[in-house]
N, C-alpha and C. Protein backbone atom coordinates (compact mmCIF):
# COMPACT_ATOMS: atom_id res chain seq x y z
N MET A 1 -11.55 -132.57 -72.48
CA MET A 1 -10.66 -131.92 -73.43
C MET A 1 -11.04 -130.45 -73.56
N LYS A 2 -12.35 -130.17 -73.60
CA LYS A 2 -12.79 -128.79 -73.78
C LYS A 2 -12.31 -127.91 -72.64
N GLU A 3 -12.37 -128.41 -71.41
CA GLU A 3 -11.94 -127.61 -70.26
C GLU A 3 -10.45 -127.31 -70.32
N MET A 4 -9.66 -128.27 -70.79
CA MET A 4 -8.23 -128.05 -70.91
C MET A 4 -7.95 -126.94 -71.93
N TYR A 5 -8.62 -127.01 -73.08
CA TYR A 5 -8.42 -125.99 -74.10
C TYR A 5 -8.88 -124.63 -73.59
N LYS A 6 -9.97 -124.61 -72.85
CA LYS A 6 -10.49 -123.36 -72.30
C LYS A 6 -9.47 -122.74 -71.34
N THR A 7 -8.86 -123.56 -70.50
CA THR A 7 -7.85 -123.08 -69.56
C THR A 7 -6.65 -122.52 -70.29
N TYR A 8 -6.16 -123.24 -71.29
CA TYR A 8 -5.00 -122.77 -72.05
C TYR A 8 -5.32 -121.50 -72.83
N TYR A 9 -6.54 -121.39 -73.34
CA TYR A 9 -6.95 -120.18 -74.08
C TYR A 9 -6.96 -118.98 -73.14
N LYS A 10 -7.54 -119.15 -71.98
CA LYS A 10 -7.60 -118.04 -71.01
C LYS A 10 -6.21 -117.64 -70.53
N ALA A 11 -5.30 -118.61 -70.45
CA ALA A 11 -3.93 -118.33 -70.01
C ALA A 11 -3.08 -117.72 -71.13
N GLY A 12 -3.61 -117.71 -72.35
CA GLY A 12 -2.87 -117.16 -73.47
C GLY A 12 -1.94 -118.14 -74.15
N GLU A 13 -2.02 -119.40 -73.76
CA GLU A 13 -1.15 -120.42 -74.37
C GLU A 13 -1.63 -120.82 -75.76
N PHE A 14 -2.95 -120.85 -75.96
CA PHE A 14 -3.54 -121.16 -77.26
C PHE A 14 -4.28 -119.94 -77.75
N ASP A 15 -4.21 -119.68 -79.05
CA ASP A 15 -5.02 -118.60 -79.61
C ASP A 15 -6.23 -119.20 -80.34
N ALA A 16 -7.15 -118.36 -80.74
CA ALA A 16 -8.38 -118.82 -81.38
C ALA A 16 -8.09 -119.60 -82.66
N GLU A 17 -7.09 -119.18 -83.41
CA GLU A 17 -6.75 -119.87 -84.66
C GLU A 17 -6.29 -121.30 -84.39
N PHE A 18 -5.52 -121.50 -83.34
CA PHE A 18 -5.06 -122.84 -82.99
C PHE A 18 -6.24 -123.74 -82.63
N ILE A 19 -7.18 -123.20 -81.88
CA ILE A 19 -8.36 -123.98 -81.49
C ILE A 19 -9.22 -124.29 -82.71
N ARG A 20 -9.36 -123.32 -83.62
CA ARG A 20 -10.12 -123.56 -84.87
C ARG A 20 -9.46 -124.68 -85.67
N PHE A 21 -8.13 -124.64 -85.77
CA PHE A 21 -7.39 -125.67 -86.49
C PHE A 21 -7.64 -127.04 -85.86
N THR A 22 -7.62 -127.10 -84.54
CA THR A 22 -7.84 -128.36 -83.84
C THR A 22 -9.24 -128.90 -84.12
N VAL A 23 -10.24 -128.04 -84.06
CA VAL A 23 -11.62 -128.47 -84.32
C VAL A 23 -11.74 -128.99 -85.76
N LYS A 24 -11.16 -128.27 -86.68
CA LYS A 24 -11.34 -128.58 -88.10
C LYS A 24 -10.53 -129.80 -88.56
N TYR A 25 -9.27 -129.90 -88.13
CA TYR A 25 -8.38 -130.92 -88.69
C TYR A 25 -8.05 -132.07 -87.74
N MET A 26 -8.49 -132.00 -86.50
CA MET A 26 -8.19 -133.08 -85.56
C MET A 26 -9.47 -133.52 -84.85
N PRO A 27 -10.40 -134.14 -85.59
CA PRO A 27 -11.69 -134.52 -85.00
C PRO A 27 -11.56 -135.54 -83.87
N ALA A 28 -10.45 -136.25 -83.78
CA ALA A 28 -10.28 -137.24 -82.72
C ALA A 28 -10.27 -136.59 -81.34
N PHE A 29 -9.99 -135.28 -81.27
CA PHE A 29 -10.00 -134.59 -79.99
C PHE A 29 -11.41 -134.31 -79.50
N GLY A 30 -12.40 -134.45 -80.37
CA GLY A 30 -13.78 -134.35 -79.97
C GLY A 30 -14.31 -132.94 -79.77
N LEU A 31 -13.61 -131.94 -80.24
CA LEU A 31 -14.10 -130.56 -80.13
C LEU A 31 -14.98 -130.23 -81.33
N THR A 32 -16.00 -129.42 -81.13
CA THR A 32 -16.92 -129.04 -82.19
C THR A 32 -16.88 -127.53 -82.38
N PRO A 33 -17.47 -127.03 -83.47
CA PRO A 33 -17.55 -125.58 -83.63
C PRO A 33 -18.26 -124.90 -82.45
N LEU A 34 -19.23 -125.56 -81.84
CA LEU A 34 -19.89 -124.97 -80.67
C LEU A 34 -18.93 -124.88 -79.49
N ASP A 35 -18.05 -125.86 -79.35
CA ASP A 35 -17.03 -125.78 -78.30
C ASP A 35 -16.10 -124.61 -78.57
N TYR A 36 -15.72 -124.42 -79.83
CA TYR A 36 -14.88 -123.28 -80.21
C TYR A 36 -15.53 -121.98 -79.75
N GLU A 37 -16.82 -121.83 -80.02
CA GLU A 37 -17.53 -120.60 -79.65
C GLU A 37 -17.58 -120.43 -78.14
N GLU A 38 -17.76 -121.53 -77.41
CA GLU A 38 -17.79 -121.45 -75.95
C GLU A 38 -16.42 -121.10 -75.38
N ILE A 39 -15.37 -121.69 -75.92
CA ILE A 39 -14.02 -121.46 -75.41
C ILE A 39 -13.55 -120.04 -75.70
N THR A 40 -13.74 -119.59 -76.95
CA THR A 40 -13.17 -118.30 -77.36
C THR A 40 -14.13 -117.13 -77.20
N GLY A 41 -15.42 -117.40 -77.15
CA GLY A 41 -16.40 -116.32 -77.11
C GLY A 41 -16.60 -115.66 -78.46
N GLN A 42 -16.07 -116.29 -79.51
CA GLN A 42 -16.18 -115.78 -80.88
C GLN A 42 -17.06 -116.73 -81.69
N ASN A 43 -17.68 -116.19 -82.73
CA ASN A 43 -18.43 -117.05 -83.66
C ASN A 43 -17.47 -117.89 -84.47
N TRP A 44 -17.94 -119.06 -84.90
CA TRP A 44 -17.16 -119.93 -85.78
C TRP A 44 -16.93 -119.18 -87.09
N PRO A 45 -15.69 -119.06 -87.55
CA PRO A 45 -15.42 -118.31 -88.79
C PRO A 45 -16.10 -118.96 -90.00
N LYS A 46 -16.64 -118.13 -90.85
CA LYS A 46 -17.25 -118.63 -92.08
C LYS A 46 -16.14 -118.96 -93.07
N GLU A 47 -16.33 -120.07 -93.77
CA GLU A 47 -15.35 -120.48 -94.78
C GLU A 47 -15.48 -119.57 -96.00
N GLN A 48 -14.36 -119.15 -96.52
CA GLN A 48 -14.39 -118.33 -97.73
C GLN A 48 -14.10 -119.21 -98.93
N ALA A 49 -14.88 -119.01 -99.96
CA ALA A 49 -14.69 -119.77 -101.19
C ALA A 49 -13.38 -119.38 -101.85
N THR A 50 -12.63 -120.37 -102.28
CA THR A 50 -11.38 -120.11 -103.00
C THR A 50 -11.54 -120.63 -104.41
N THR A 51 -11.73 -119.71 -105.34
CA THR A 51 -11.93 -120.13 -106.74
C THR A 51 -10.86 -119.55 -107.61
């Protein structure tokens, strides 16, 4: 799954936000925050407190 997402990211089909959403809200796909960092080359975004 990670290789597929990496290919789509490099092709411009998926953006970093889409991959972050997949990691966070669709755990059945098996992607982790470390996979996000490997695919996008970006650090995992820090969650901001909403009060």
